[in-house]
Amino acid sequence: MLAKDISIMAEGIERLGQKIPDTPRQLIVLARLILIIGRRLEERLAQRLAPHRLNHSELVTLMFLYSRPDGISTPTELCAVTWEGSSNMTRIGNALIERGLIVRGPSQSDRRRVVIGITPSGCRFVRSLVPTMFPVLHELFDGFSAANLAQLNRLLVRLAGNVDRLQTDARSASQR
């Protein structure tokens, strides 16, 4: 269980701190907790999606297209939203096209551009699937007040900004 994993992790970090002076124990614990929780959430989501023959990136693709006013996007935009590379986005697109959930074709305004759109079948699929995920979210945040959730959101957005800054700094350093 997760509590046991966290306990083992905390003990290991404590021992590390005893051997290496100035170890930022709390920061290591927090970073590891975020990673562990993220992995477990991803595993849980994968279990929920498996009966629907869907993975997380395919779900995000469908939800993003469904949320668009016109139901259309570009492969580049979908890569950014799903955090997938272009070759994997092609595979995702092919899988969803094969199931009749999306279509791919030239843009009406610029025939050189490729666009991806959700089909009526894809819209029905999203409308039926997404609400089945709500109970898991409610369980996940059970016991959190509205104020707790707002604070957690603010803190995670702030942390995301720090992660972005680290990535930017790393890119700048590698270009020198």
Protein backbone atom coordinates (compact mmCIF):
# COMPACT_ATOMS: atom_id res chain seq x y z
CA MET A 1 0.00 0.00 0.00
CA LEU A 2 0.99 3.59 -0.49
CA ALA A 3 1.34 4.32 3.24
CA LYS A 4 3.94 1.56 3.58
CA ASP A 5 5.85 2.82 0.52
CA ILE A 6 5.84 6.34 1.96
CA SER A 7 7.09 5.10 5.33
CA ILE A 8 9.95 3.15 3.72
CA MET A 9 10.82 6.19 1.60
CA ALA A 10 10.81 8.53 4.61
CA GLU A 11 13.06 6.18 6.57
CA GLY A 12 15.52 6.00 3.70
CA ILE A 13 15.60 9.77 3.32
CA GLU A 14 16.12 10.15 7.05
CA ARG A 15 19.12 7.76 6.89
CA LEU A 16 20.47 9.68 3.89
CA GLY A 17 20.17 12.90 5.88
CA GLN A 18 22.21 11.38 8.69
CA LYS A 19 25.01 10.48 6.27
CA ILE A 20 25.01 13.65 4.17
CA PRO A 21 24.92 16.95 6.06
CA ASP A 22 22.49 19.64 4.92
CA THR A 23 20.27 17.14 3.08
CA PRO A 24 16.95 18.95 2.44
CA ARG A 25 14.92 16.02 3.80
CA GLN A 26 11.51 17.66 3.66
CA LEU A 27 12.01 18.79 0.06
CA ILE A 28 13.12 15.31 -0.99
CA VAL A 29 10.10 13.78 0.73
CA LEU A 30 7.74 16.25 -0.97
CA ALA A 31 9.28 15.69 -4.42
CA ARG A 32 9.09 11.91 -3.98
CA LEU A 33 5.50 12.12 -2.72
CA ILE A 34 4.48 14.04 -5.83
CA LEU A 35 6.15 11.45 -8.07
CA ILE A 36 4.68 8.47 -6.18
CA ILE A 37 1.18 9.94 -6.11
CA GLY A 38 1.40 10.81 -9.81
CA ARG A 39 2.41 7.27 -10.71
CA ARG A 40 -0.34 5.73 -8.60
CA LEU A 41 -2.94 8.07 -10.12
CA GLU A 42 -1.75 7.14 -13.58
CA GLU A 43 -1.99 3.42 -12.71
CA ARG A 44 -5.54 3.90 -11.37
CA LEU A 45 -6.58 5.84 -14.45
CA ALA A 46 -5.10 3.14 -16.70
CA GLN A 47 -7.17 0.52 -14.85
CA ARG A 48 -10.35 2.59 -15.34
CA LEU A 49 -9.63 3.16 -19.04
CA ALA A 50 -8.56 -0.40 -19.94
CA PRO A 51 -12.11 -1.76 -20.36
CA HIS A 52 -12.72 1.06 -22.85
CA ARG A 53 -9.55 0.17 -24.81
CA LEU A 54 -8.21 3.64 -24.13
CA ASN A 55 -5.07 5.11 -22.58
CA HIS A 56 -4.51 8.45 -20.84
CA SER A 57 -3.18 10.28 -23.92
CA GLU A 58 -6.10 9.07 -26.02
CA LEU A 59 -8.53 10.26 -23.33
CA VAL A 60 -6.87 13.68 -23.14
CA THR A 61 -6.98 13.94 -26.94
CA LEU A 62 -10.69 13.16 -27.03
CA MET A 63 -11.52 15.45 -24.11
CA PHE A 64 -9.56 18.32 -25.64
CA LEU A 65 -11.27 17.93 -29.01
CA TYR A 66 -14.66 17.60 -27.30
CA SER A 67 -14.03 20.80 -25.32
CA ARG A 68 -13.21 22.83 -28.44
CA PRO A 69 -16.11 24.94 -29.77
CA ASP A 70 -15.65 23.45 -33.25
CA GLY A 71 -14.29 20.06 -32.09
CA ILE A 72 -11.16 20.59 -34.19
CA SER A 73 -7.46 20.96 -33.42
CA THR A 74 -4.05 20.51 -35.03
CA PRO A 75 -1.57 17.72 -34.38
CA THR A 76 0.90 20.26 -32.96
CA GLU A 77 -1.65 21.56 -30.47
CA LEU A 78 -2.60 18.01 -29.47
CA CYS A 79 1.07 17.14 -28.92
CA ALA A 80 1.35 20.06 -26.51
CA VAL A 81 -1.84 19.13 -24.63
CA THR A 82 -0.99 15.43 -24.32
CA TRP A 83 2.79 15.89 -23.84
CA GLU A 84 3.34 13.40 -26.64
CA GLY A 85 5.76 13.57 -29.55
CA SER A 86 4.55 13.77 -33.13
CA SER A 87 5.16 10.09 -33.90
CA ASN A 88 3.20 8.97 -30.83
CA MET A 89 0.46 11.49 -31.64
CA THR A 90 0.21 9.88 -35.09
CA ARG A 91 -0.22 6.48 -33.41
CA ILE A 92 -2.86 7.92 -31.04
CA GLY A 93 -4.66 9.53 -33.97
CA ASN A 94 -4.60 6.31 -35.98
CA ALA A 95 -6.03 4.32 -33.05
CA LEU A 96 -8.86 6.81 -32.50
CA ILE A 97 -9.58 7.07 -36.24
CA GLU A 98 -9.78 3.28 -36.47
CA ARG A 99 -12.44 3.35 -33.74
CA GLY A 100 -14.38 6.10 -35.52
CA LEU A 101 -13.90 8.57 -32.66
CA ILE A 102 -11.95 11.19 -34.62
CA VAL A 103 -11.20 12.14 -38.23
CA ARG A 104 -8.09 13.64 -39.79
CA GLY A 105 -7.94 15.74 -42.92
CA PRO A 106 -6.94 19.01 -44.55
CA SER A 107 -8.00 22.31 -43.01
CA GLN A 108 -10.85 24.11 -44.75
CA SER A 109 -8.94 27.41 -44.61
CA ASP A 110 -5.49 26.07 -45.57
CA ARG A 111 -5.39 22.75 -47.43
CA ARG A 112 -1.69 22.33 -46.52
CA ARG A 113 -2.56 22.12 -42.82
CA VAL A 114 -3.81 18.92 -41.22
CA VAL A 115 -6.60 19.12 -38.67
CA ILE A 116 -8.11 16.53 -36.38
CA GLY A 117 -11.75 16.60 -35.40
CA ILE A 118 -13.95 14.64 -33.06
CA THR A 119 -16.81 12.68 -34.64
CA PRO A 120 -20.38 12.50 -33.32
CA SER A 121 -19.52 8.98 -32.13
CA GLY A 122 -16.47 10.41 -30.32
CA CYS A 123 -18.66 13.05 -28.66
CA ARG A 124 -21.09 10.39 -27.43
CA PHE A 125 -18.17 8.32 -26.16
CA VAL A 126 -16.71 11.25 -24.18
CA ARG A 127 -20.14 12.17 -22.75
CA SER A 128 -20.64 8.61 -21.52
CA LEU A 129 -17.08 7.94 -20.30
CA VAL A 130 -15.99 11.11 -18.51
CA PRO A 131 -18.72 11.08 -15.82
CA THR A 132 -17.63 7.56 -14.83
CA MET A 133 -14.33 9.09 -13.69
CA PHE A 134 -15.99 11.54 -11.26
CA PRO A 135 -16.36 9.09 -8.32
CA VAL A 136 -12.61 8.42 -8.39
CA LEU A 137 -11.93 12.16 -8.20
CA HIS A 138 -14.34 12.55 -5.30
CA GLU A 139 -12.64 9.66 -3.47
CA LEU A 140 -9.21 11.08 -4.23
CA PHE A 141 -10.01 14.41 -2.61
CA ASP A 142 -12.22 13.06 0.18
CA GLY A 143 -11.79 15.10 3.34
CA PHE A 144 -10.42 18.16 1.54
CA SER A 145 -12.40 21.35 2.11
CA ALA A 146 -12.99 23.87 -0.67
CA ALA A 147 -10.29 26.02 0.96
CA ASN A 148 -7.87 23.03 1.01
CA LEU A 149 -8.50 22.39 -2.67
CA ALA A 150 -8.01 26.04 -3.59
CA GLN A 151 -4.76 26.17 -1.59
CA LEU A 152 -3.50 22.92 -3.13
CA ASN A 153 -4.30 24.27 -6.58
CA ARG A 154 -2.38 27.51 -5.90
CA LEU A 155 0.60 25.62 -4.52
CA LEU A 156 0.74 23.14 -7.41
CA VAL A 157 0.48 25.95 -9.97
CA ARG A 158 3.35 27.70 -8.18
CA LEU A 159 5.36 24.47 -8.19
CA ALA A 160 4.64 24.04 -11.91
CA GLY A 161 6.06 27.52 -12.48
CA ASN A 162 9.25 26.49 -10.67
CA VAL A 163 9.48 23.34 -12.80
CA ASP A 164 9.09 25.46 -15.95
CA ARG A 165 11.84 27.77 -14.73
CA LEU A 166 14.14 24.80 -14.08
CA GLN A 167 13.52 23.48 -17.59
CA THR A 168 14.18 26.91 -19.10
CA ASP A 169 17.39 27.25 -17.08
CA ALA A 170 18.51 23.75 -18.15
CA ARG A 171 17.84 24.54 -21.84
CA SER A 172 19.75 27.82 -21.55
CA ALA A 173 22.70 26.06 -19.90
CA SER A 174 22.82 23.36 -22.59
CA GLN A 175 22.86 25.98 -25.36
CA ARG A 176 25.95 27.69 -23.95
